[in-house]
Amino acid sequence: MSLADARPFRFAVQTTTATSATEWRDLARRVEDLGYSTLFLADHYLGPGPVSTQTLLRPQHLAPIAAMAAAAAWTSTLRIGCRVFCVDYHMPAALAKEAATIDLLSDGRLEFGIGAGTNQGEYEAMGLTFHEAPQRVSKLEEVITLVKAHWSGEPISIDGDHIRVSGYAGLPRPVQRPCPRILIGGSRKRVLSLAAREADIVSMANVPWQPRNDAGLTPAEEAQRRHDIVRDAAGDRFPQLELESSPYLVSVPEDVDSALAQWSARLRKAIPEAQPDLLRNHPNVLVGSPDEITDHLQERRDRTGVNYITIPRGQIDEFAPVVSALTGR
């Protein structure tokens, strides 16, 4: 990809840890002031307990829809979203209206992440049936159709296997036209192909930590494989798509080798192959000085197309020089 054709960089922050109105307001304003494009929550509902421990889901105090609306009200340019809404956690027709309302009241700052759901333990804890992946993805496809139909303002008529909605037109119309930006992510061909056809932002799921996966691909080769799936499925849409990722490890340490060694020691408890040299150039890792990370992201964008980076809340200050360097903000 030439520099002229390269997608502009954007950066987001994802958090699940705000516990008060003051903390959430101050965080939203700080994320905006530091030049980040977007503030994401997650769509999780479990408080502390054995299920949270077993599923490795960190308890999230704030429900996403209300928190997104509040963050939008306290800021003026910050985009807001959920990375991502689970189709089985919400009544789809109501979610379409909630999303359109947030876009309207934020003057067009919604990014709408939507996914098929992945955490069986959370489903079961909330009394929901965790269906096999093909059924969940089929429902996701129908929900996307419904959401786009609702946002169009035209009469809705959908009679699917999972969604049966008809007899009205959706209100309100979103400010963004033809509709708010949709984010869909995954790692498998079916979901990545769906995202390439229907989304505006394709979220590239983290790749495994092993030196080679079951298909014999290195982490970099697996990331490239997923990029190629998206490119092929998108066709003429591909230049207009954004490719997003959320690296698992983000750090701007004084000593890169020590930081990699520490993270390697943690990962090797479960994954013996996760040696420091593997982490150094792994697609899930951004570790180095601001200049080193800036160069690395530019090289990665040229190779895999990823231009939209979501980082954890804890790194917003140390990562801010990278945001400034790559966005000019």
C-alpha atoms as a PDB file:
ATOM      1  CA  MET A   1       0.000   0.000   0.000  1.00  0.00           C
ATOM      2  CA  SER A   2       1.472   3.366  -1.004  1.00  0.00           C
ATOM      3  CA  LEU A   3       1.611   6.297   1.376  1.00  0.00           C
ATOM      4  CA  ALA A   4      -0.937   8.067  -0.790  1.00  0.00           C
ATOM      5  CA  ASP A   5      -3.358   5.161  -0.434  1.00  0.00           C
ATOM      6  CA  ALA A   6      -2.732   4.415   3.244  1.00  0.00           C
ATOM      7  CA  ARG A   7      -5.699   4.640   5.565  1.00  0.00           C
ATOM      8  CA  PRO A   8      -5.321   7.457   8.120  1.00  0.00           C
ATOM      9  CA  PHE A   9      -4.547   6.261  11.627  1.00  0.00           C
ATOM     10  CA  ARG A  10      -7.163   6.422  14.352  1.00  0.00           C
ATOM     11  CA  PHE A  11      -6.863   5.414  17.982  1.00  0.00           C
ATOM     12  CA  ALA A  12      -9.461   4.322  20.522  1.00  0.00           C
ATOM     13  CA  VAL A  13      -9.515   3.513  24.221  1.00  0.00           C
ATOM     14  CA  GLN A  14     -11.479   0.611  25.658  1.00  0.00           C
ATOM     15  CA  THR A  15     -12.296   0.439  29.346  1.00  0.00           C
ATOM     16  CA  THR A  16     -14.447  -1.560  31.736  1.00  0.00           C
ATOM     17  CA  THR A  17     -13.286  -0.046  35.022  1.00  0.00           C
ATOM     18  CA  ALA A  18     -15.032   3.292  35.723  1.00  0.00           C
ATOM     19  CA  THR A  19     -16.996   3.092  38.990  1.00  0.00           C
ATOM     20  CA  SER A  20     -18.576   6.551  39.398  1.00  0.00           C
ATOM     21  CA  ALA A  21     -20.029   9.404  37.395  1.00  0.00           C
ATOM     22  CA  THR A  22     -17.046  11.609  38.189  1.00  0.00           C
ATOM     23  CA  GLU A  23     -14.543   8.962  37.109  1.00  0.00           C
ATOM     24  CA  TRP A  24     -16.389   8.250  33.874  1.00  0.00           C
ATOM     25  CA  ARG A  25     -16.818  11.931  32.999  1.00  0.00           C
ATOM     26  CA  ASP A  26     -13.174  12.741  33.701  1.00  0.00           C
ATOM     27  CA  LEU A  27     -11.985   9.739  31.698  1.00  0.00           C
ATOM     28  CA  ALA A  28     -14.131  10.606  28.658  1.00  0.00           C
ATOM     29  CA  ARG A  29     -12.862  14.181  28.639  1.00  0.00           C
ATOM     30  CA  ARG A  30      -9.246  13.103  29.079  1.00  0.00           C
ATOM     31  CA  VAL A  31      -9.461  10.592  26.236  1.00  0.00           C
ATOM     32  CA  GLU A  32     -10.869  13.354  24.033  1.00  0.00           C
ATOM     33  CA  ASP A  33      -8.241  15.894  25.126  1.00  0.00           C
ATOM     34  CA  LEU A  34      -5.389  13.463  24.370  1.00  0.00           C
ATOM     35  CA  GLY A  35      -6.505  13.142  20.752  1.00  0.00           C
ATOM     36  CA  TYR A  36      -8.052   9.685  20.756  1.00  0.00           C
ATOM     37  CA  SER A  37     -10.867   9.212  18.271  1.00  0.00           C
ATOM     38  CA  THR A  38     -13.153   6.887  20.204  1.00  0.00           C
ATOM     39  CA  LEU A  39     -14.069   5.630  23.675  1.00  0.00           C
ATOM     40  CA  PHE A  40     -15.331   2.045  23.772  1.00  0.00           C
ATOM     41  CA  LEU A  41     -16.990   0.048  26.497  1.00  0.00           C
ATOM     42  CA  ALA A  42     -17.627  -3.693  26.373  1.00  0.00           C
ATOM     43  CA  ASP A  43     -20.935  -5.552  26.514  1.00  0.00           C
ATOM     44  CA  HIS A  44     -20.527  -7.512  29.757  1.00  0.00           C
ATOM     45  CA  TYR A  45     -22.782  -7.767  32.789  1.00  0.00           C
ATOM     46  CA  LEU A  46     -21.246 -10.014  35.431  1.00  0.00           C
ATOM     47  CA  GLY A  47     -20.126  -8.703  38.784  1.00  0.00           C
ATOM     48  CA  PRO A  48     -17.498 -10.402  40.976  1.00  0.00           C
ATOM     49  CA  GLY A  49     -17.960 -14.099  41.602  1.00  0.00           C
ATOM     50  CA  PRO A  50     -16.930 -17.548  40.482  1.00  0.00           C
ATOM     51  CA  VAL A  51     -18.205 -17.106  36.926  1.00  0.00           C
ATOM     52  CA  SER A  52     -16.178 -13.936  36.464  1.00  0.00           C
ATOM     53  CA  THR A  53     -13.111 -15.788  37.726  1.00  0.00           C
ATOM     54  CA  GLN A  54     -13.697 -18.819  35.531  1.00  0.00           C
ATOM     55  CA  THR A  55     -14.433 -16.853  32.370  1.00  0.00           C
ATOM     56  CA  LEU A  56     -11.599 -14.334  32.920  1.00  0.00           C
ATOM     57  CA  LEU A  57     -14.123 -11.518  32.449  1.00  0.00           C
ATOM     58  CA  ARG A  58     -13.184  -8.493  34.474  1.00  0.00           C
ATOM     59  CA  PRO A  59     -16.324  -7.071  36.149  1.00  0.00           C
ATOM     60  CA  GLN A  60     -17.626  -3.979  34.361  1.00  0.00           C
ATOM     61  CA  HIS A  61     -19.564  -1.535  36.543  1.00  0.00           C
ATOM     62  CA  LEU A  62     -21.256   0.460  33.774  1.00  0.00           C
ATOM     63  CA  ALA A  63     -23.864  -0.864  31.373  1.00  0.00           C
ATOM     64  CA  PRO A  64     -22.796   0.278  27.918  1.00  0.00           C
ATOM     65  CA  ILE A  65     -25.834   2.090  26.494  1.00  0.00           C
ATOM     66  CA  ALA A  66     -26.321   4.507  29.384  1.00  0.00           C
ATOM     67  CA  ALA A  67     -22.571   5.027  29.755  1.00  0.00           C
ATOM     68  CA  MET A  68     -22.181   5.775  26.036  1.00  0.00           C
ATOM     69  CA  ALA A  69     -24.934   8.385  26.200  1.00  0.00           C
ATOM     70  CA  ALA A  70     -23.341  10.048  29.220  1.00  0.00           C
ATOM     71  CA  ALA A  71     -19.880  10.103  27.644  1.00  0.00           C
ATOM     72  CA  ALA A  72     -21.319  11.690  24.504  1.00  0.00           C
ATOM     73  CA  ALA A  73     -23.064  14.371  26.577  1.00  0.00           C
ATOM     74  CA  TRP A  74     -19.833  15.259  28.406  1.00  0.00           C
ATOM     75  CA  THR A  75     -17.714  15.582  25.226  1.00  0.00           C
ATOM     76  CA  SER A  76     -17.998  17.320  21.872  1.00  0.00           C
ATOM     77  CA  THR A  77     -15.815  15.456  19.357  1.00  0.00           C
ATOM     78  CA  LEU A  78     -15.177  12.061  20.949  1.00  0.00           C
ATOM     79  CA  ARG A  79     -16.794   9.123  19.175  1.00  0.00           C
ATOM     80  CA  ILE A  80     -18.437   6.562  21.427  1.00  0.00           C
ATOM     81  CA  GLY A  81     -19.208   2.877  21.061  1.00  0.00           C
ATOM     82  CA  CYS A  82     -19.342  -0.634  22.446  1.00  0.00           C
ATOM     83  CA  ARG A  83     -16.772  -3.144  21.321  1.00  0.00           C
ATOM     84  CA  VAL A  84     -19.013  -5.077  20.794  1.00  0.00           C
ATOM     85  CA  PHE A  85     -22.732  -5.509  21.487  1.00  0.00           C
ATOM     86  CA  CYS A  86     -23.672  -9.186  21.667  1.00  0.00           C
ATOM     87  CA  VAL A  87     -26.716 -10.042  19.566  1.00  0.00           C
ATOM     88  CA  ASP A  88     -28.123 -12.347  22.264  1.00  0.00           C
ATOM     89  CA  TYR A  89     -27.856  -9.830  25.123  1.00  0.00           C
ATOM     90  CA  HIS A  90     -30.340  -7.352  23.602  1.00  0.00           C
ATOM     91  CA  MET A  91     -33.744  -7.383  21.936  1.00  0.00           C
ATOM     92  CA  PRO A  92     -32.579  -6.519  18.409  1.00  0.00           C
ATOM     93  CA  ALA A  93     -35.365  -4.093  17.434  1.00  0.00           C
ATOM     94  CA  ALA A  94     -34.867  -2.183  20.680  1.00  0.00           C
ATOM     95  CA  LEU A  95     -31.076  -2.122  20.251  1.00  0.00           C
ATOM     96  CA  ALA A  96     -31.472  -0.621  16.767  1.00  0.00           C
ATOM     97  CA  LYS A  97     -33.568   2.203  18.214  1.00  0.00           C
ATOM     98  CA  GLU A  98     -31.219   2.760  21.176  1.00  0.00           C
ATOM     99  CA  ALA A  99     -28.271   3.022  18.797  1.00  0.00           C
ATOM    100  CA  ALA A 100     -30.068   5.439  16.477  1.00  0.00           C
ATOM    101  CA  THR A 101     -31.027   7.582  19.469  1.00  0.00           C
ATOM    102  CA  ILE A 102     -27.426   7.762  20.697  1.00  0.00           C
ATOM    103  CA  ASP A 103     -26.270   8.769  17.223  1.00  0.00           C
ATOM    104  CA  LEU A 104     -28.943  11.475  17.082  1.00  0.00           C
ATOM    105  CA  LEU A 105     -28.228  12.888  20.535  1.00  0.00           C
ATOM    106  CA  SER A 106     -24.452  12.797  20.010  1.00  0.00           C
ATOM    107  CA  ASP A 107     -24.715  14.631  16.675  1.00  0.00           C
ATOM    108  CA  GLY A 108     -23.413  11.628  14.778  1.00  0.00           C
ATOM    109  CA  ARG A 109     -20.638  10.233  16.966  1.00  0.00           C
ATOM    110  CA  LEU A 110     -21.756   6.596  17.363  1.00  0.00           C
ATOM    111  CA  GLU A 111     -19.631   3.641  16.287  1.00  0.00           C
ATOM    112  CA  PHE A 112     -21.802   0.543  16.390  1.00  0.00           C
ATOM    113  CA  GLY A 113     -19.918  -2.639  17.223  1.00  0.00           C
ATOM    114  CA  ILE A 114     -21.919  -5.857  16.946  1.00  0.00           C
ATOM    115  CA  GLY A 115     -20.935  -9.504  17.319  1.00  0.00           C
ATOM    116  CA  ALA A 116     -22.220 -13.044  17.646  1.00  0.00           C
ATOM    117  CA  GLY A 117     -21.145 -13.604  21.276  1.00  0.00           C
ATOM    118  CA  THR A 118     -18.310 -15.824  22.435  1.00  0.00           C
ATOM    119  CA  ASN A 119     -18.400 -16.343  26.201  1.00  0.00           C
ATOM    120  CA  GLN A 120     -20.436 -19.410  27.101  1.00  0.00           C
ATOM    121  CA  GLY A 121     -19.963 -18.925  30.833  1.00  0.00           C
ATOM    122  CA  GLU A 122     -21.459 -15.439  30.758  1.00  0.00           C
ATOM    123  CA  TYR A 123     -24.401 -16.657  28.683  1.00  0.00           C
ATOM    124  CA  GLU A 124     -25.170 -19.407  31.153  1.00  0.00           C
ATOM    125  CA  ALA A 125     -24.745 -17.139  34.177  1.00  0.00           C
ATOM    126  CA  MET A 126     -27.398 -14.818  32.737  1.00  0.00           C
ATOM    127  CA  GLY A 127     -29.765 -17.663  31.869  1.00  0.00           C
ATOM    128  CA  LEU A 128     -29.163 -17.553  28.116  1.00  0.00           C
ATOM    129  CA  THR A 129     -28.685 -20.484  25.772  1.00  0.00           C
ATOM    130  CA  PHE A 130     -25.288 -20.546  24.083  1.00  0.00           C
ATOM    131  CA  HIS A 131     -26.016 -21.943  20.640  1.00  0.00           C
ATOM    132  CA  GLU A 132     -23.438 -23.377  18.279  1.00  0.00           C
ATOM    133  CA  ALA A 133     -21.376 -20.832  16.343  1.00  0.00           C
ATOM    134  CA  PRO A 134     -23.152 -21.235  12.973  1.00  0.00           C
ATOM    135  CA  GLN A 135     -26.507 -20.381  14.574  1.00  0.00           C
ATOM    136  CA  ARG A 136     -25.074 -17.381  16.426  1.00  0.00           C
ATOM    137  CA  VAL A 137     -23.451 -16.045  13.263  1.00  0.00           C
ATOM    138  CA  SER A 138     -26.679 -16.530  11.298  1.00  0.00           C
ATOM    139  CA  LYS A 139     -28.481 -14.451  13.900  1.00  0.00           C
ATOM    140  CA  LEU A 140     -25.770 -11.794  13.643  1.00  0.00           C
ATOM    141  CA  GLU A 141     -26.354 -11.591   9.885  1.00  0.00           C
ATOM    142  CA  GLU A 142     -30.085 -11.045  10.408  1.00  0.00           C
ATOM    143  CA  VAL A 143     -29.552  -8.472  13.172  1.00  0.00           C
ATOM    144  CA  ILE A 144     -27.301  -6.443  10.867  1.00  0.00           C
ATOM    145  CA  THR A 145     -30.044  -6.498   8.243  1.00  0.00           C
ATOM    146  CA  LEU A 146     -32.563  -5.295  10.825  1.00  0.00           C
ATOM    147  CA  VAL A 147     -30.345  -2.516  12.138  1.00  0.00           C
ATOM    148  CA  LYS A 148     -29.659  -1.168   8.676  1.00  0.00           C
ATOM    149  CA  ALA A 149     -33.353  -1.358   7.801  1.00  0.00           C
ATOM    150  CA  HIS A 150     -34.312   0.508  10.989  1.00  0.00           C
ATOM    151  CA  TRP A 151     -31.726   3.227  10.355  1.00  0.00           C
ATOM    152  CA  SER A 152     -32.879   3.707   6.744  1.00  0.00           C
ATOM    153  CA  GLY A 153     -36.264   5.099   7.823  1.00  0.00           C
ATOM    154  CA  GLU A 154     -37.997   2.884   5.266  1.00  0.00           C
ATOM    155  CA  PRO A 155     -40.699   0.334   6.184  1.00  0.00           C
ATOM    156  CA  ILE A 156     -39.213  -2.791   7.767  1.00  0.00           C
ATOM    157  CA  SER A 157     -40.126  -6.287   6.606  1.00  0.00           C
ATOM    158  CA  ILE A 158     -37.848  -9.085   7.804  1.00  0.00           C
ATOM    159  CA  ASP A 159     -39.002 -12.690   8.160  1.00  0.00           C
ATOM    160  CA  GLY A 160     -35.884 -14.649   9.009  1.00  0.00           C
ATOM    161  CA  ASP A 161     -34.996 -17.643  11.110  1.00  0.00           C
ATOM    162  CA  HIS A 162     -34.084 -15.424  14.071  1.00  0.00           C
ATOM    163  CA  ILE A 163     -35.539 -11.971  13.329  1.00  0.00           C
ATOM    164  CA  ARG A 164     -39.191 -11.359  12.457  1.00  0.00           C
ATOM    165  CA  VAL A 165     -39.922  -7.653  12.391  1.00  0.00           C
ATOM    166  CA  SER A 166     -42.411  -5.826  10.158  1.00  0.00           C
ATOM    167  CA  GLY A 167     -45.137  -3.232   9.939  1.00  0.00           C
ATOM    168  CA  TYR A 168     -43.290  -0.017  10.835  1.00  0.00           C
ATOM    169  CA  ALA A 169     -40.460   2.280   9.864  1.00  0.00           C
ATOM    170  CA  GLY A 170     -37.615   2.954  12.257  1.00  0.00           C
ATOM    171  CA  LEU A 171     -37.256   6.180  14.224  1.00  0.00           C
ATOM    172  CA  PRO A 172     -35.211   8.212  14.850  1.00  0.00           C
ATOM    173  CA  ARG A 173     -33.069   8.502  11.756  1.00  0.00           C
ATOM    174  CA  PRO A 174     -29.406   8.590  12.721  1.00  0.00           C
ATOM    175  CA  VAL A 175     -27.426  11.733  11.980  1.00  0.00           C
ATOM    176  CA  GLN A 176     -24.740   9.758  10.130  1.00  0.00           C
ATOM    177  CA  ARG A 177     -25.854   8.865   6.627  1.00  0.00           C
ATOM    178  CA  PRO A 178     -26.499   6.437   5.228  1.00  0.00           C
ATOM    179  CA  CYS A 179     -25.946   5.016   8.725  1.00  0.00           C
ATOM    180  CA  PRO A 180     -23.540   5.027  11.675  1.00  0.00           C
ATOM    181  CA  ARG A 181     -20.262   3.218  11.158  1.00  0.00           C
ATOM    182  CA  ILE A 182     -20.620  -0.497  11.923  1.00  0.00           C
ATOM    183  CA  LEU A 183     -17.788  -2.529  13.442  1.00  0.00           C
ATOM    184  CA  ILE A 184     -17.737  -6.312  13.152  1.00  0.00           C
ATOM    185  CA  GLY A 185     -14.793  -8.478  14.099  1.00  0.00           C
ATOM    186  CA  GLY A 186     -13.573 -12.011  14.280  1.00  0.00           C
ATOM    187  CA  SER A 187     -10.938 -14.512  13.256  1.00  0.00           C
ATOM    188  CA  ARG A 188     -12.813 -17.065  11.149  1.00  0.00           C
ATOM    189  CA  LYS A 189     -13.508 -16.782   7.454  1.00  0.00           C
ATOM    190  CA  ARG A 190     -17.300 -16.555   7.708  1.00  0.00           C
ATOM    191  CA  VAL A 191     -17.352 -13.637  10.156  1.00  0.00           C
ATOM    192  CA  LEU A 192     -14.449 -11.802   8.528  1.00  0.00           C
ATOM    193  CA  SER A 193     -16.175 -12.151   5.158  1.00  0.00           C
ATOM    194  CA  LEU A 194     -19.443 -10.876   6.645  1.00  0.00           C
ATOM    195  CA  ALA A 195     -17.603  -7.911   8.133  1.00  0.00           C
ATOM    196  CA  ALA A 196     -15.915  -7.202   4.809  1.00  0.00           C
ATOM    197  CA  ARG A 197     -19.303  -7.105   3.061  1.00  0.00           C
ATOM    198  CA  GLU A 198     -21.428  -5.337   5.664  1.00  0.00           C
ATOM    199  CA  ALA A 199     -19.248  -3.359   8.077  1.00  0.00           C
ATOM    200  CA  ASP A 200     -17.322  -0.122   7.824  1.00  0.00           C
ATOM    201  CA  ILE A 201     -14.734  -1.260  10.368  1.00  0.00           C
ATOM    202  CA  VAL A 202     -13.365  -4.803  10.434  1.00  0.00           C
ATOM    203  CA  SER A 203     -11.938  -5.719  13.835  1.00  0.00           C
ATOM    204  CA  MET A 204      -9.112  -8.223  13.473  1.00  0.00           C
ATOM    205  CA  ALA A 205      -9.131 -10.572  16.471  1.00  0.00           C
ATOM    206  CA  ASN A 206      -5.839 -11.296  18.205  1.00  0.00           C
ATOM    207  CA  VAL A 207      -3.836 -14.177  16.770  1.00  0.00           C
ATOM    208  CA  PRO A 208      -2.477 -17.118  18.833  1.00  0.00           C
ATOM    209  CA  TRP A 209       0.734 -16.870  20.827  1.00  0.00           C
ATOM    210  CA  GLN A 210       2.273 -20.065  19.464  1.00  0.00           C
ATOM    211  CA  PRO A 211       5.214 -19.756  17.040  1.00  0.00           C
ATOM    212  CA  ARG A 212       3.059 -21.649  14.542  1.00  0.00           C
ATOM    213  CA  ASN A 213      -0.655 -22.383  14.687  1.00  0.00           C
ATOM    214  CA  ASP A 214      -2.427 -25.598  13.682  1.00  0.00           C
ATOM    215  CA  ALA A 215      -2.210 -24.547  10.037  1.00  0.00           C
ATOM    216  CA  GLY A 216       1.551 -24.080  10.328  1.00  0.00           C
ATOM    217  CA  LEU A 217       1.385 -20.278  10.112  1.00  0.00           C
ATOM    218  CA  THR A 218       3.438 -17.868  12.189  1.00  0.00           C
ATOM    219  CA  PRO A 219       1.535 -15.085  13.994  1.00  0.00           C
ATOM    220  CA  ALA A 220       2.457 -12.629  11.248  1.00  0.00           C
ATOM    221  CA  GLU A 221       1.374 -15.074   8.547  1.00  0.00           C
ATOM    222  CA  GLU A 222      -1.939 -15.693  10.321  1.00  0.00           C
ATOM    223  CA  ALA A 223      -2.563 -11.942  10.526  1.00  0.00           C
ATOM    224  CA  GLN A 224      -1.827 -11.679   6.805  1.00  0.00           C
ATOM    225  CA  ARG A 225      -4.183 -14.586   6.057  1.00  0.00           C
ATOM    226  CA  ARG A 226      -7.035 -12.773   7.784  1.00  0.00           C
ATOM    227  CA  HIS A 227      -6.232  -9.559   5.933  1.00  0.00           C
ATOM    228  CA  ASP A 228      -6.404 -11.451   2.642  1.00  0.00           C
ATOM    229  CA  ILE A 229      -9.822 -12.914   3.550  1.00  0.00           C
ATOM    230  CA  VAL A 230     -11.161  -9.429   4.221  1.00  0.00           C
ATOM    231  CA  ARG A 231      -9.658  -7.997   1.042  1.00  0.00           C
ATOM    232  CA  ASP A 232     -11.044 -10.770  -1.141  1.00  0.00           C
ATOM    233  CA  ALA A 233     -14.526 -10.648   0.405  1.00  0.00           C
ATOM    234  CA  ALA A 234     -14.729  -6.848   0.330  1.00  0.00           C
ATOM    235  CA  GLY A 235     -13.881  -6.489  -3.344  1.00  0.00           C
ATOM    236  CA  ASP A 236     -14.405  -2.885  -4.432  1.00  0.00           C
ATOM    237  CA  ARG A 237     -15.342  -1.906  -0.861  1.00  0.00           C
ATOM    238  CA  PHE A 238     -11.894  -2.699   0.505  1.00  0.00           C
ATOM    239  CA  PRO A 239     -10.293   0.762   0.114  1.00  0.00           C
ATOM    240  CA  GLN A 240     -13.153   2.306   2.125  1.00  0.00           C
ATOM    241  CA  LEU A 241     -12.879  -0.135   5.031  1.00  0.00           C
ATOM    242  CA  GLU A 242     -10.985   0.518   8.246  1.00  0.00           C
ATOM    243  CA  LEU A 243      -9.112  -2.400   9.803  1.00  0.00           C
ATOM    244  CA  GLU A 244      -9.005  -2.330  13.608  1.00  0.00           C
ATOM    245  CA  SER A 245      -7.091  -4.280  16.210  1.00  0.00           C
ATOM    246  CA  SER A 246      -6.635  -4.178  19.967  1.00  0.00           C
ATOM    247  CA  PRO A 247      -3.159  -5.390  20.933  1.00  0.00           C
ATOM    248  CA  TYR A 248      -3.087  -7.534  24.056  1.00  0.00           C
ATOM    249  CA  LEU A 249       0.143  -5.993  25.326  1.00  0.00           C
ATOM    250  CA  VAL A 250       0.725  -2.238  25.051  1.00  0.00           C
ATOM    251  CA  SER A 251       3.642  -0.674  26.903  1.00  0.00           C
ATOM    252  CA  VAL A 252       6.103   2.218  26.586  1.00  0.00           C
ATOM    253  CA  PRO A 253       8.784   1.029  29.024  1.00  0.00           C
ATOM    254  CA  GLU A 254      12.261   2.330  29.703  1.00  0.00           C
ATOM    255  CA  ASP A 255      13.655  -1.171  29.204  1.00  0.00           C
ATOM    256  CA  VAL A 256      11.957  -3.059  26.378  1.00  0.00           C
ATOM    257  CA  ASP A 257      13.834  -6.312  26.990  1.00  0.00           C
ATOM    258  CA  SER A 258      12.805  -6.407  30.656  1.00  0.00           C
ATOM    259  CA  ALA A 259       9.182  -5.670  29.781  1.00  0.00           C
ATOM    260  CA  LEU A 260       9.081  -8.465  27.208  1.00  0.00           C
ATOM    261  CA  ALA A 261      10.726 -10.876  29.646  1.00  0.00           C
ATOM    262  CA  GLN A 262       8.127 -10.096  32.316  1.00  0.00           C
ATOM    263  CA  TRP A 263       5.195 -10.603  29.944  1.00  0.00           C
ATOM    264  CA  SER A 264       6.767 -13.745  28.547  1.00  0.00           C
ATOM    265  CA  ALA A 265       7.060 -15.186  32.058  1.00  0.00           C
ATOM    266  CA  ARG A 266       3.345 -14.578  32.650  1.00  0.00           C
ATOM    267  CA  LEU A 267       2.253 -16.067  29.349  1.00  0.00           C
ATOM    268  CA  ARG A 268       4.535 -19.101  29.610  1.00  0.00           C
ATOM    269  CA  LYS A 269       2.529 -20.333  32.609  1.00  0.00           C
ATOM    270  CA  ALA A 270      -0.132 -21.305  30.080  1.00  0.00           C
ATOM    271  CA  ILE A 271       1.776 -21.144  26.791  1.00  0.00           C
ATOM    272  CA  PRO A 272       5.367 -22.408  27.109  1.00  0.00           C
ATOM    273  CA  GLU A 273       6.228 -21.240  23.579  1.00  0.00           C
ATOM    274  CA  ALA A 274       5.604 -17.554  24.416  1.00  0.00           C
ATOM    275  CA  GLN A 275       9.273 -16.590  24.569  1.00  0.00           C
ATOM    276  CA  PRO A 276      10.429 -12.925  24.530  1.00  0.00           C
ATOM    277  CA  ASP A 277      11.625 -13.147  20.916  1.00  0.00           C
ATOM    278  CA  LEU A 278       8.163 -14.306  19.846  1.00  0.00           C
ATOM    279  CA  LEU A 279       6.535 -11.353  21.595  1.00  0.00           C
ATOM    280  CA  ARG A 280       8.885  -8.759  20.155  1.00  0.00           C
ATOM    281  CA  ASN A 281       7.299  -8.775  16.690  1.00  0.00           C
ATOM    282  CA  HIS A 282       3.963 -10.377  17.512  1.00  0.00           C
ATOM    283  CA  PRO A 283       0.856  -8.699  16.010  1.00  0.00           C
ATOM    284  CA  ASN A 284      -0.733  -8.593  19.489  1.00  0.00           C
ATOM    285  CA  VAL A 285       2.158  -6.614  20.992  1.00  0.00           C
ATOM    286  CA  LEU A 286       3.099  -2.926  20.938  1.00  0.00           C
ATOM    287  CA  VAL A 287       6.136  -2.425  23.169  1.00  0.00           C
ATOM    288  CA  GLY A 288       8.876   0.171  22.725  1.00  0.00           C
ATOM    289  CA  SER A 289       9.596   3.857  22.769  1.00  0.00           C
ATOM    290  CA  PRO A 290       7.007   6.170  21.159  1.00  0.00           C
ATOM    291  CA  ASP A 291       9.236   6.451  18.079  1.00  0.00           C
ATOM    292  CA  GLU A 292       9.682   2.685  17.849  1.00  0.00           C
ATOM    293  CA  ILE A 293       5.954   2.049  18.193  1.00  0.00           C
ATOM    294  CA  THR A 294       5.201   4.756  15.626  1.00  0.00           C
ATOM    295  CA  ASP A 295       7.534   3.131  13.098  1.00  0.00           C
ATOM    296  CA  HIS A 296       6.149  -0.313  13.881  1.00  0.00           C
ATOM    297  CA  LEU A 297       2.540   0.772  13.356  1.00  0.00           C
ATOM    298  CA  GLN A 298       3.370   2.382  10.035  1.00  0.00           C
ATOM    299  CA  GLU A 299       5.134  -0.788   8.870  1.00  0.00           C
ATOM    300  CA  ARG A 300       2.240  -2.926  10.091  1.00  0.00           C
ATOM    301  CA  ARG A 301      -0.311  -0.738   8.316  1.00  0.00           C
ATOM    302  CA  ASP A 302       1.629  -1.066   5.070  1.00  0.00           C
ATOM    303  CA  ARG A 303       1.744  -4.841   5.464  1.00  0.00           C
ATOM    304  CA  THR A 304      -1.666  -5.759   6.920  1.00  0.00           C
ATOM    305  CA  GLY A 305      -3.755  -2.619   6.435  1.00  0.00           C
ATOM    306  CA  VAL A 306      -4.525  -2.113  10.139  1.00  0.00           C
ATOM    307  CA  ASN A 307      -4.990   1.619  10.753  1.00  0.00           C
ATOM    308  CA  TYR A 308      -7.310   1.743  13.773  1.00  0.00           C
ATOM    309  CA  ILE A 309      -5.757   0.777  17.111  1.00  0.00           C
ATOM    310  CA  THR A 310      -7.666   0.294  20.364  1.00  0.00           C
ATOM    311  CA  ILE A 311      -5.622   0.369  23.550  1.00  0.00           C
ATOM    312  CA  PRO A 312      -6.485  -0.324  27.206  1.00  0.00           C
ATOM    313  CA  ARG A 313      -7.355   2.518  29.538  1.00  0.00           C
ATOM    314  CA  GLY A 314      -4.234   2.054  31.646  1.00  0.00           C
ATOM    315  CA  GLN A 315      -1.920   3.089  28.798  1.00  0.00           C
ATOM    316  CA  ILE A 316      -3.664   6.247  27.551  1.00  0.00           C
ATOM    317  CA  ASP A 317      -1.093   8.693  28.897  1.00  0.00           C
ATOM    318  CA  GLU A 318       2.089   6.848  27.943  1.00  0.00           C
ATOM    319  CA  PHE A 319       0.664   6.078  24.481  1.00  0.00           C
ATOM    320  CA  ALA A 320      -0.471   9.657  23.801  1.00  0.00           C
ATOM    321  CA  PRO A 321       2.791  10.664  22.012  1.00  0.00           C
ATOM    322  CA  VAL A 322       2.159   7.897  19.475  1.00  0.00           C
ATOM    323  CA  VAL A 323      -1.366   9.202  18.890  1.00  0.00           C
ATOM    324  CA  SER A 324      -0.026  12.716  18.386  1.00  0.00           C
ATOM    325  CA  ALA A 325       2.721  11.567  16.019  1.00  0.00           C
ATOM    326  CA  LEU A 326       0.408   9.527  13.794  1.00  0.00           C
ATOM    327  CA  THR A 327      -2.686  11.745  13.787  1.00  0.00           C
ATOM    328  CA  GLY A 328      -1.201  15.224  14.186  1.00  0.00           C
ATOM    329  CA  ARG A 329      -3.533  15.924  17.095  1.00  0.00           C
END
